Amino acid sequence: MRRLRGIVYVLALIPVQAAHADLSAHAIAMNCLNCHARGRTESAALPTLAGLNAAEIERALLEFKYDKRPATLMPRLAKAYSDAELAAVAAYLARH
């Protein structure tokens, strides 16, 4: 009975963890949109994220993180997050 209760407890936490992951992605993405707002016009310095899919955003973030794409601020920002967090942010930004 005790083991069953433990299993039920762990299974009950799965939706909470998923909701927390999306909340974290949302919080990080709001920082992205300070500079890359969807309503802005495209510029070389601050490109918009409108129209990009999750794979494109994730690839760019990982390139910044691993110094494969030159920039002033983005590499420092991207290095603050794990690859999984960057993937979640990319998915969030592509959906919203």
PDB file of N, CA and C in Angstrom:
ATOM      1  N   MET A   1       0.825  -1.194   0.000  1.00  0.00           N
ATOM      2  CA  MET A   1       0.000   0.000   0.000  1.00  0.00           C
ATOM      3  C   MET A   1       0.869   1.258   0.000  1.00  0.00           C
ATOM      4  N   ARG A   2       1.938   1.218   0.780  1.00  0.00           N
ATOM      5  CA  ARG A   2       2.821   2.379   0.869  1.00  0.00           C
ATOM      6  C   ARG A   2       3.490   2.663  -0.483  1.00  0.00           C
ATOM      7  N   ARG A   3       3.896   1.595  -1.166  1.00  0.00           N
ATOM      8  CA  ARG A   3       4.522   1.751  -2.478  1.00  0.00           C
ATOM      9  C   ARG A   3       3.523   2.325  -3.477  1.00  0.00           C
ATOM     10  N   LEU A   4       2.301   1.857  -3.444  1.00  0.00           N
ATOM     11  CA  LEU A   4       1.266   2.365  -4.340  1.00  0.00           C
ATOM     12  C   LEU A   4       1.032   3.852  -4.098  1.00  0.00           C
ATOM     13  N   ARG A   5       1.006   4.251  -2.849  1.00  0.00           N
ATOM     14  CA  ARG A   5       0.820   5.659  -2.505  1.00  0.00           C
ATOM     15  C   ARG A   5       1.978   6.497  -3.070  1.00  0.00           C
ATOM     16  N   GLY A   6       3.187   5.971  -2.990  1.00  0.00           N
ATOM     17  CA  GLY A   6       4.357   6.666  -3.535  1.00  0.00           C
ATOM     18  C   GLY A   6       4.273   6.823  -5.043  1.00  0.00           C
ATOM     19  N   ILE A   7       3.822   5.766  -5.720  1.00  0.00           N
ATOM     20  CA  ILE A   7       3.671   5.828  -7.175  1.00  0.00           C
ATOM     21  C   ILE A   7       2.615   6.853  -7.558  1.00  0.00           C
ATOM     22  N   VAL A   8       1.500   6.847  -6.867  1.00  0.00           N
ATOM     23  CA  VAL A   8       0.431   7.815  -7.138  1.00  0.00           C
ATOM     24  C   VAL A   8       0.938   9.236  -6.923  1.00  0.00           C
ATOM     25  N   TYR A   9       1.718   9.448  -5.886  1.00  0.00           N
ATOM     26  CA  TYR A   9       2.273  10.774  -5.600  1.00  0.00           C
ATOM     27  C   TYR A   9       3.173  11.245  -6.739  1.00  0.00           C
ATOM     28  N   VAL A  10       4.049  10.368  -7.208  1.00  0.00           N
ATOM     29  CA  VAL A  10       4.963  10.725  -8.302  1.00  0.00           C
ATOM     30  C   VAL A  10       4.179  11.019  -9.577  1.00  0.00           C
ATOM     31  N   LEU A  11       3.201  10.187  -9.883  1.00  0.00           N
ATOM     32  CA  LEU A  11       2.396  10.416 -11.084  1.00  0.00           C
ATOM     33  C   LEU A  11       1.603  11.717 -10.997  1.00  0.00           C
ATOM     34  N   ALA A  12       1.179  12.069  -9.815  1.00  0.00           N
ATOM     35  CA  ALA A  12       0.427  13.315  -9.635  1.00  0.00           C
ATOM     36  C   ALA A  12       1.300  14.540  -9.884  1.00  0.00           C
ATOM     37  N   LEU A  13       2.599  14.417  -9.696  1.00  0.00           N
ATOM     38  CA  LEU A  13       3.505  15.556  -9.891  1.00  0.00           C
ATOM     39  C   LEU A  13       3.847  15.822 -11.352  1.00  0.00           C
ATOM     40  N   ILE A  14       3.629  14.873 -12.226  1.00  0.00           N
ATOM     41  CA  ILE A  14       4.005  15.049 -13.632  1.00  0.00           C
ATOM     42  C   ILE A  14       3.339  16.274 -14.256  1.00  0.00           C
ATOM     43  N   PRO A  15       2.016  16.464 -14.127  1.00  0.00           N
ATOM     44  CA  PRO A  15       1.429  17.677 -14.706  1.00  0.00           C
ATOM     45  C   PRO A  15       1.967  18.956 -14.064  1.00  0.00           C
ATOM     46  N   VAL A  16       2.282  18.914 -12.794  1.00  0.00           N
ATOM     47  CA  VAL A  16       2.828  20.088 -12.112  1.00  0.00           C
ATOM     48  C   VAL A  16       4.184  20.443 -12.696  1.00  0.00           C
ATOM     49  N   GLN A  17       5.018  19.443 -12.943  1.00  0.00           N
ATOM     50  CA  GLN A  17       6.334  19.696 -13.524  1.00  0.00           C
ATOM     51  C   GLN A  17       6.202  20.257 -14.933  1.00  0.00           C
ATOM     52  N   ALA A  18       5.277  19.728 -15.720  1.00  0.00           N
ATOM     53  CA  ALA A  18       5.071  20.239 -17.074  1.00  0.00           C
ATOM     54  C   ALA A  18       4.591  21.679 -17.033  1.00  0.00           C
ATOM     55  N   ALA A  19       3.684  21.984 -16.128  1.00  0.00           N
ATOM     56  CA  ALA A  19       3.197  23.358 -15.993  1.00  0.00           C
ATOM     57  C   ALA A  19       4.317  24.285 -15.543  1.00  0.00           C
ATOM     58  N   HIS A  20       5.170  23.809 -14.645  1.00  0.00           N
ATOM     59  CA  HIS A  20       6.299  24.619 -14.176  1.00  0.00           C
ATOM     60  C   HIS A  20       7.277  24.883 -15.315  1.00  0.00           C
ATOM     61  N   ALA A  21       7.526  23.875 -16.142  1.00  0.00           N
ATOM     62  CA  ALA A  21       8.443  24.051 -17.271  1.00  0.00           C
ATOM     63  C   ALA A  21       7.911  25.106 -18.229  1.00  0.00           C
ATOM     64  N   ASP A  22       6.599  25.078 -18.508  1.00  0.00           N
ATOM     65  CA  ASP A  22       6.020  26.071 -19.408  1.00  0.00           C
ATOM     66  C   ASP A  22       6.045  27.453 -18.769  1.00  0.00           C
ATOM     67  N   LEU A  23       5.839  27.519 -17.462  1.00  0.00           N
ATOM     68  CA  LEU A  23       5.899  28.799 -16.760  1.00  0.00           C
ATOM     69  C   LEU A  23       7.305  29.372 -16.829  1.00  0.00           C
ATOM     70  N   SER A  24       8.314  28.530 -16.650  1.00  0.00           N
ATOM     71  CA  SER A  24       9.700  28.985 -16.755  1.00  0.00           C
ATOM     72  C   SER A  24      10.008  29.458 -18.166  1.00  0.00           C
ATOM     73  N   ALA A  25       9.555  28.710 -19.173  1.00  0.00           N
ATOM     74  CA  ALA A  25       9.764  29.112 -20.565  1.00  0.00           C
ATOM     75  C   ALA A  25       9.085  30.446 -20.834  1.00  0.00           C
ATOM     76  N   HIS A  26       7.897  30.623 -20.280  1.00  0.00           N
ATOM     77  CA  HIS A  26       7.175  31.890 -20.435  1.00  0.00           C
ATOM     78  C   HIS A  26       7.972  33.039 -19.828  1.00  0.00           C
ATOM     79  N   ALA A  27       8.481  32.848 -18.636  1.00  0.00           N
ATOM     80  CA  ALA A  27       9.231  33.909 -17.955  1.00  0.00           C
ATOM     81  C   ALA A  27      10.484  34.284 -18.740  1.00  0.00           C
ATOM     82  N   ILE A  28      11.196  33.296 -19.242  1.00  0.00           N
ATOM     83  CA  ILE A  28      12.404  33.571 -20.026  1.00  0.00           C
ATOM     84  C   ILE A  28      12.032  34.250 -21.338  1.00  0.00           C
ATOM     85  N   ALA A  29      10.975  33.762 -21.982  1.00  0.00           N
ATOM     86  CA  ALA A  29      10.551  34.323 -23.273  1.00  0.00           C
ATOM     87  C   ALA A  29      10.145  35.782 -23.158  1.00  0.00           C
ATOM     88  N   MET A  30       9.585  36.171 -22.031  1.00  0.00           N
ATOM     89  CA  MET A  30       9.208  37.579 -21.863  1.00  0.00           C
ATOM     90  C   MET A  30      10.442  38.478 -21.929  1.00  0.00           C
ATOM     91  N   ASN A  31      11.580  37.981 -21.453  1.00  0.00           N
ATOM     92  CA  ASN A  31      12.830  38.736 -21.592  1.00  0.00           C
ATOM     93  C   ASN A  31      13.219  38.865 -23.059  1.00  0.00           C
ATOM     94  N   CYS A  32      13.029  37.801 -23.822  1.00  0.00           N
ATOM     95  CA  CYS A  32      13.361  37.831 -25.251  1.00  0.00           C
ATOM     96  C   CYS A  32      12.539  38.899 -25.971  1.00  0.00           C
ATOM     97  N   LEU A  33      11.265  38.962 -25.617  1.00  0.00           N
ATOM     98  CA  LEU A  33      10.356  39.860 -26.321  1.00  0.00           C
ATOM     99  C   LEU A  33      10.579  41.325 -25.977  1.00  0.00           C
ATOM    100  N   ASN A  34      11.369  41.606 -24.958  1.00  0.00           N
ATOM    101  CA  ASN A  34      11.714  43.007 -24.696  1.00  0.00           C
ATOM    102  C   ASN A  34      12.439  43.613 -25.886  1.00  0.00           C
ATOM    103  N   CYS A  35      13.283  42.838 -26.529  1.00  0.00           N
ATOM    104  CA  CYS A  35      14.035  43.330 -27.691  1.00  0.00           C
ATOM    105  C   CYS A  35      13.480  42.816 -29.016  1.00  0.00           C
ATOM    106  N   HIS A  36      12.914  41.629 -29.001  1.00  0.00           N
ATOM    107  CA  HIS A  36      12.472  40.981 -30.237  1.00  0.00           C
ATOM    108  C   HIS A  36      10.952  40.915 -30.315  1.00  0.00           C
ATOM    109  N   ALA A  37      10.276  41.986 -29.941  1.00  0.00           N
ATOM    110  CA  ALA A  37       8.807  42.008 -29.941  1.00  0.00           C
ATOM    111  C   ALA A  37       8.265  41.720 -31.332  1.00  0.00           C
ATOM    112  N   ARG A  38       7.158  41.029 -31.370  1.00  0.00           N
ATOM    113  CA  ARG A  38       6.565  40.630 -32.645  1.00  0.00           C
ATOM    114  C   ARG A  38       6.058  41.814 -33.463  1.00  0.00           C
ATOM    115  N   GLY A  39       5.689  42.891 -32.822  1.00  0.00           N
ATOM    116  CA  GLY A  39       5.147  44.028 -33.544  1.00  0.00           C
ATOM    117  C   GLY A  39       6.198  44.925 -34.170  1.00  0.00           C
ATOM    118  N   ARG A  40       7.448  44.706 -33.834  1.00  0.00           N
ATOM    119  CA  ARG A  40       8.526  45.552 -34.358  1.00  0.00           C
ATOM    120  C   ARG A  40       8.827  45.214 -35.807  1.00  0.00           C
ATOM    121  N   THR A  41       9.342  46.194 -36.504  1.00  0.00           N
ATOM    122  CA  THR A  41       9.786  45.941 -37.869  1.00  0.00           C
ATOM    123  C   THR A  41      11.153  45.269 -37.825  1.00  0.00           C
ATOM    124  N   GLU A  42      11.438  44.532 -38.851  1.00  0.00           N
ATOM    125  CA  GLU A  42      12.706  43.797 -38.940  1.00  0.00           C
ATOM    126  C   GLU A  42      13.879  44.768 -39.053  1.00  0.00           C
ATOM    127  N   SER A  43      14.907  44.525 -38.296  1.00  0.00           N
ATOM    128  CA  SER A  43      16.149  45.285 -38.436  1.00  0.00           C
ATOM    129  C   SER A  43      17.309  44.323 -38.254  1.00  0.00           C
ATOM    130  N   ALA A  44      18.442  44.685 -38.794  1.00  0.00           N
ATOM    131  CA  ALA A  44      19.608  43.809 -38.676  1.00  0.00           C
ATOM    132  C   ALA A  44      20.054  43.682 -37.226  1.00  0.00           C
ATOM    133  N   ALA A  45      19.899  44.759 -36.454  1.00  0.00           N
ATOM    134  CA  ALA A  45      20.359  44.742 -35.066  1.00  0.00           C
ATOM    135  C   ALA A  45      19.440  43.932 -34.162  1.00  0.00           C
ATOM    136  N   LEU A  46      18.144  44.092 -34.322  1.00  0.00           N
ATOM    137  CA  LEU A  46      17.171  43.404 -33.463  1.00  0.00           C
ATOM    138  C   LEU A  46      16.102  42.728 -34.318  1.00  0.00           C
ATOM    139  N   PRO A  47      16.386  41.554 -34.838  1.00  0.00           N
ATOM    140  CA  PRO A  47      15.400  40.884 -35.688  1.00  0.00           C
ATOM    141  C   PRO A  47      14.172  40.444 -34.902  1.00  0.00           C
ATOM    142  N   THR A  48      13.038  40.458 -35.578  1.00  0.00           N
ATOM    143  CA  THR A  48      11.804  39.975 -34.967  1.00  0.00           C
ATOM    144  C   THR A  48      11.805  38.446 -34.953  1.00  0.00           C
ATOM    145  N   LEU A  49      11.042  37.867 -34.063  1.00  0.00           N
ATOM    146  CA  LEU A  49      10.929  36.411 -33.996  1.00  0.00           C
ATOM    147  C   LEU A  49       9.700  35.913 -34.744  1.00  0.00           C
ATOM    148  N   ALA A  50       8.897  36.831 -35.253  1.00  0.00           N
ATOM    149  CA  ALA A  50       7.670  36.474 -35.962  1.00  0.00           C
ATOM    150  C   ALA A  50       7.994  35.603 -37.171  1.00  0.00           C
ATOM    151  N   GLY A  51       7.238  34.536 -37.310  1.00  0.00           N
ATOM    152  CA  GLY A  51       7.392  33.660 -38.459  1.00  0.00           C
ATOM    153  C   GLY A  51       8.450  32.579 -38.315  1.00  0.00           C
ATOM    154  N   LEU A  52       9.209  32.609 -37.236  1.00  0.00           N
ATOM    155  CA  LEU A  52      10.220  31.570 -37.028  1.00  0.00           C
ATOM    156  C   LEU A  52       9.606  30.371 -36.315  1.00  0.00           C
ATOM    157  N   ASN A  53      10.028  29.173 -36.703  1.00  0.00           N
ATOM    158  CA  ASN A  53       9.529  27.991 -35.998  1.00  0.00           C
ATOM    159  C   ASN A  53      10.478  27.651 -34.848  1.00  0.00           C
ATOM    160  N   ALA A  54      10.073  26.704 -34.036  1.00  0.00           N
ATOM    161  CA  ALA A  54      10.842  26.353 -32.834  1.00  0.00           C
ATOM    162  C   ALA A  54      12.252  25.889 -33.175  1.00  0.00           C
ATOM    163  N   ALA A  55      12.401  25.112 -34.243  1.00  0.00           N
ATOM    164  CA  ALA A  55      13.729  24.606 -34.612  1.00  0.00           C
ATOM    165  C   ALA A  55      14.666  25.748 -35.000  1.00  0.00           C
ATOM    166  N   GLU A  56      14.149  26.740 -35.715  1.00  0.00           N
ATOM    167  CA  GLU A  56      14.978  27.886 -36.117  1.00  0.00           C
ATOM    168  C   GLU A  56      15.421  28.699 -34.901  1.00  0.00           C
ATOM    169  N   ILE A  57      14.492  28.933 -33.988  1.00  0.00           N
ATOM    170  CA  ILE A  57      14.817  29.703 -32.780  1.00  0.00           C
ATOM    171  C   ILE A  57      15.812  28.936 -31.917  1.00  0.00           C
ATOM    172  N   GLU A  58      15.556  27.644 -31.735  1.00  0.00           N
ATOM    173  CA  GLU A  58      16.461  26.829 -30.914  1.00  0.00           C
ATOM    174  C   GLU A  58      17.862  26.781 -31.520  1.00  0.00           C
ATOM    175  N   ARG A  59      17.943  26.599 -32.835  1.00  0.00           N
ATOM    176  CA  ARG A  59      19.253  26.556 -33.500  1.00  0.00           C
ATOM    177  C   ARG A  59      20.015  27.861 -33.258  1.00  0.00           C
ATOM    178  N   ALA A  60      19.325  28.996 -33.409  1.00  0.00           N
ATOM    179  CA  ALA A  60      19.976  30.296 -33.185  1.00  0.00           C
ATOM    180  C   ALA A  60      20.448  30.425 -31.740  1.00  0.00           C
ATOM    181  N   LEU A  61      19.596  30.044 -30.797  1.00  0.00           N
ATOM    182  CA  LEU A  61      19.974  30.149 -29.385  1.00  0.00           C
ATOM    183  C   LEU A  61      21.189  29.288 -29.060  1.00  0.00           C
ATOM    184  N   LEU A  62      21.214  28.079 -29.599  1.00  0.00           N
ATOM    185  CA  LEU A  62      22.355  27.191 -29.349  1.00  0.00           C
ATOM    186  C   LEU A  62      23.624  27.709 -30.026  1.00  0.00           C
ATOM    187  N   GLU A  63      23.473  28.305 -31.208  1.00  0.00           N
ATOM    188  CA  GLU A  63      24.641  28.897 -31.872  1.00  0.00           C
ATOM    189  C   GLU A  63      25.201  30.052 -31.043  1.00  0.00           C
ATOM    190  N   PHE A  64      24.319  30.848 -30.458  1.00  0.00           N
ATOM    191  CA  PHE A  64      24.790  31.916 -29.567  1.00  0.00           C
ATOM    192  C   PHE A  64      25.488  31.325 -28.343  1.00  0.00           C
ATOM    193  N   LYS A  65      24.866  30.309 -27.755  1.00  0.00           N
ATOM    194  CA  LYS A  65      25.408  29.718 -26.533  1.00  0.00           C
ATOM    195  C   LYS A  65      26.804  29.143 -26.744  1.00  0.00           C
ATOM    196  N   TYR A  66      27.009  28.495 -27.871  1.00  0.00           N
ATOM    197  CA  TYR A  66      28.284  27.823 -28.129  1.00  0.00           C
ATOM    198  C   TYR A  66      29.213  28.643 -29.032  1.00  0.00           C
ATOM    199  N   ASP A  67      29.001  29.957 -29.066  1.00  0.00           N
ATOM    200  CA  ASP A  67      29.874  30.903 -29.788  1.00  0.00           C
ATOM    201  C   ASP A  67      30.038  30.581 -31.271  1.00  0.00           C
ATOM    202  N   LYS A  68      28.978  30.110 -31.893  1.00  0.00           N
ATOM    203  CA  LYS A  68      29.017  29.843 -33.330  1.00  0.00           C
ATOM    204  C   LYS A  68      28.345  30.956 -34.125  1.00  0.00           C
ATOM    205  N   ARG A  69      27.711  31.885 -33.418  1.00  0.00           N
ATOM    206  CA  ARG A  69      27.076  33.031 -34.058  1.00  0.00           C
ATOM    207  C   ARG A  69      27.509  34.269 -33.287  1.00  0.00           C
ATOM    208  N   PRO A  70      28.206  35.192 -33.951  1.00  0.00           N
ATOM    209  CA  PRO A  70      28.690  36.377 -33.233  1.00  0.00           C
ATOM    210  C   PRO A  70      27.564  37.346 -32.886  1.00  0.00           C
ATOM    211  N   ALA A  71      27.661  37.916 -31.720  1.00  0.00           N
ATOM    212  CA  ALA A  71      26.718  38.939 -31.254  1.00  0.00           C
ATOM    213  C   ALA A  71      27.303  39.546 -29.984  1.00  0.00           C
ATOM    214  N   THR A  72      26.716  40.633 -29.548  1.00  0.00           N
ATOM    215  CA  THR A  72      27.233  41.272 -28.336  1.00  0.00           C
ATOM    216  C   THR A  72      26.576  40.722 -27.079  1.00  0.00           C
ATOM    217  N   LEU A  73      25.270  40.661 -27.049  1.00  0.00           N
ATOM    218  CA  LEU A  73      24.548  40.295 -25.836  1.00  0.00           C
ATOM    219  C   LEU A  73      24.028  38.857 -25.834  1.00  0.00           C
ATOM    220  N   MET A  74      23.563  38.375 -26.972  1.00  0.00           N
ATOM    221  CA  MET A  74      22.898  37.069 -27.011  1.00  0.00           C
ATOM    222  C   MET A  74      23.763  35.908 -26.508  1.00  0.00           C
ATOM    223  N   PRO A  75      25.045  35.836 -26.819  1.00  0.00           N
ATOM    224  CA  PRO A  75      25.826  34.719 -26.263  1.00  0.00           C
ATOM    225  C   PRO A  75      25.830  34.705 -24.735  1.00  0.00           C
ATOM    226  N   ARG A  76      25.929  35.871 -24.139  1.00  0.00           N
ATOM    227  CA  ARG A  76      25.925  35.932 -22.666  1.00  0.00           C
ATOM    228  C   ARG A  76      24.580  35.495 -22.104  1.00  0.00           C
ATOM    229  N   LEU A  77      23.508  35.884 -22.763  1.00  0.00           N
ATOM    230  CA  LEU A  77      22.177  35.484 -22.291  1.00  0.00           C
ATOM    231  C   LEU A  77      21.961  33.989 -22.470  1.00  0.00           C
ATOM    232  N   ALA A  78      22.292  33.464 -23.638  1.00  0.00           N
ATOM    233  CA  ALA A  78      22.048  32.050 -23.932  1.00  0.00           C
ATOM    234  C   ALA A  78      22.851  31.126 -23.021  1.00  0.00           C
ATOM    235  N   LYS A  79      24.048  31.536 -22.642  1.00  0.00           N
ATOM    236  CA  LYS A  79      24.890  30.695 -21.786  1.00  0.00           C
ATOM    237  C   LYS A  79      24.329  30.539 -20.377  1.00  0.00           C
ATOM    238  N   ALA A  80      23.370  31.359 -20.016  1.00  0.00           N
ATOM    239  CA  ALA A  80      22.775  31.279 -18.681  1.00  0.00           C
ATOM    240  C   ALA A  80      21.773  30.132 -18.554  1.00  0.00           C
ATOM    241  N   TYR A  81      21.416  29.502 -19.677  1.00  0.00           N
ATOM    242  CA  TYR A  81      20.376  28.476 -19.665  1.00  0.00           C
ATOM    243  C   TYR A  81      20.902  27.153 -20.202  1.00  0.00           C
ATOM    244  N   SER A  82      20.270  26.075 -19.757  1.00  0.00           N
ATOM    245  CA  SER A  82      20.616  24.749 -20.270  1.00  0.00           C
ATOM    246  C   SER A  82      20.063  24.607 -21.688  1.00  0.00           C
ATOM    247  N   ASP A  83      20.542  23.605 -22.404  1.00  0.00           N
ATOM    248  CA  ASP A  83      20.025  23.342 -23.746  1.00  0.00           C
ATOM    249  C   ASP A  83      18.531  23.029 -23.693  1.00  0.00           C
ATOM    250  N   ALA A  84      18.105  22.301 -22.667  1.00  0.00           N
ATOM    251  CA  ALA A  84      16.685  21.962 -22.520  1.00  0.00           C
ATOM    252  C   ALA A  84      15.845  23.212 -22.280  1.00  0.00           C
ATOM    253  N   GLU A  85      16.348  24.130 -21.474  1.00  0.00           N
ATOM    254  CA  GLU A  85      15.619  25.381 -21.235  1.00  0.00           C
ATOM    255  C   GLU A  85      15.520  26.201 -22.516  1.00  0.00           C
ATOM    256  N   LEU A  86      16.589  26.238 -23.292  1.00  0.00           N
ATOM    257  CA  LEU A  86      16.553  26.974 -24.558  1.00  0.00           C
ATOM    258  C   LEU A  86      15.562  26.333 -25.528  1.00  0.00           C
ATOM    259  N   ALA A  87      15.493  25.014 -25.546  1.00  0.00           N
ATOM    260  CA  ALA A  87      14.520  24.322 -26.398  1.00  0.00           C
ATOM    261  C   ALA A  87      13.098  24.657 -25.967  1.00  0.00           C
ATOM    262  N   ALA A  88      12.854  24.701 -24.665  1.00  0.00           N
ATOM    263  CA  ALA A  88      11.522  25.044 -24.152  1.00  0.00           C
ATOM    264  C   ALA A  88      11.158  26.481 -24.497  1.00  0.00           C
ATOM    265  N   VAL A  89      12.113  27.382 -24.402  1.00  0.00           N
ATOM    266  CA  VAL A  89      11.870  28.786 -24.753  1.00  0.00           C
ATOM    267  C   VAL A  89      11.567  28.904 -26.242  1.00  0.00           C
ATOM    268  N   ALA A  90      12.333  28.204 -27.067  1.00  0.00           N
ATOM    269  CA  ALA A  90      12.102  28.232 -28.512  1.00  0.00           C
ATOM    270  C   ALA A  90      10.704  27.723 -28.847  1.00  0.00           C
ATOM    271  N   ALA A  91      10.303  26.637 -28.214  1.00  0.00           N
ATOM    272  CA  ALA A  91       8.959  26.095 -28.445  1.00  0.00           C
ATOM    273  C   ALA A  91       7.897  27.089 -28.003  1.00  0.00           C
ATOM    274  N   TYR A  92       8.101  27.715 -26.861  1.00  0.00           N
ATOM    275  CA  TYR A  92       7.142  28.702 -26.357  1.00  0.00           C
ATOM    276  C   TYR A  92       7.034  29.883 -27.325  1.00  0.00           C
ATOM    277  N   LEU A  93       8.166  30.416 -27.749  1.00  0.00           N
ATOM    278  CA  LEU A  93       8.149  31.574 -28.651  1.00  0.00           C
ATOM    279  C   LEU A  93       7.503  31.234 -29.989  1.00  0.00           C
ATOM    280  N   ALA A  94       7.719  30.037 -30.488  1.00  0.00           N
ATOM    281  CA  ALA A  94       7.116  29.631 -31.759  1.00  0.00           C
ATOM    282  C   ALA A  94       5.601  29.488 -31.642  1.00  0.00           C
ATOM    283  N   ARG A  95       5.119  29.107 -30.469  1.00  0.00           N
ATOM    284  CA  ARG A  95       3.670  28.932 -30.250  1.00  0.00           C
ATOM    285  C   ARG A  95       2.950  30.242 -30.008  1.00  0.00           C
ATOM    286  N   HIS A  96       3.646  31.250 -29.509  1.00  0.00           N
ATOM    287  CA  HIS A  96       2.974  32.487 -29.100  1.00  0.00           C
ATOM    288  C   HIS A  96       3.346  33.662 -29.949  1.00  0.00           C
TER     289      HIS A  96
END
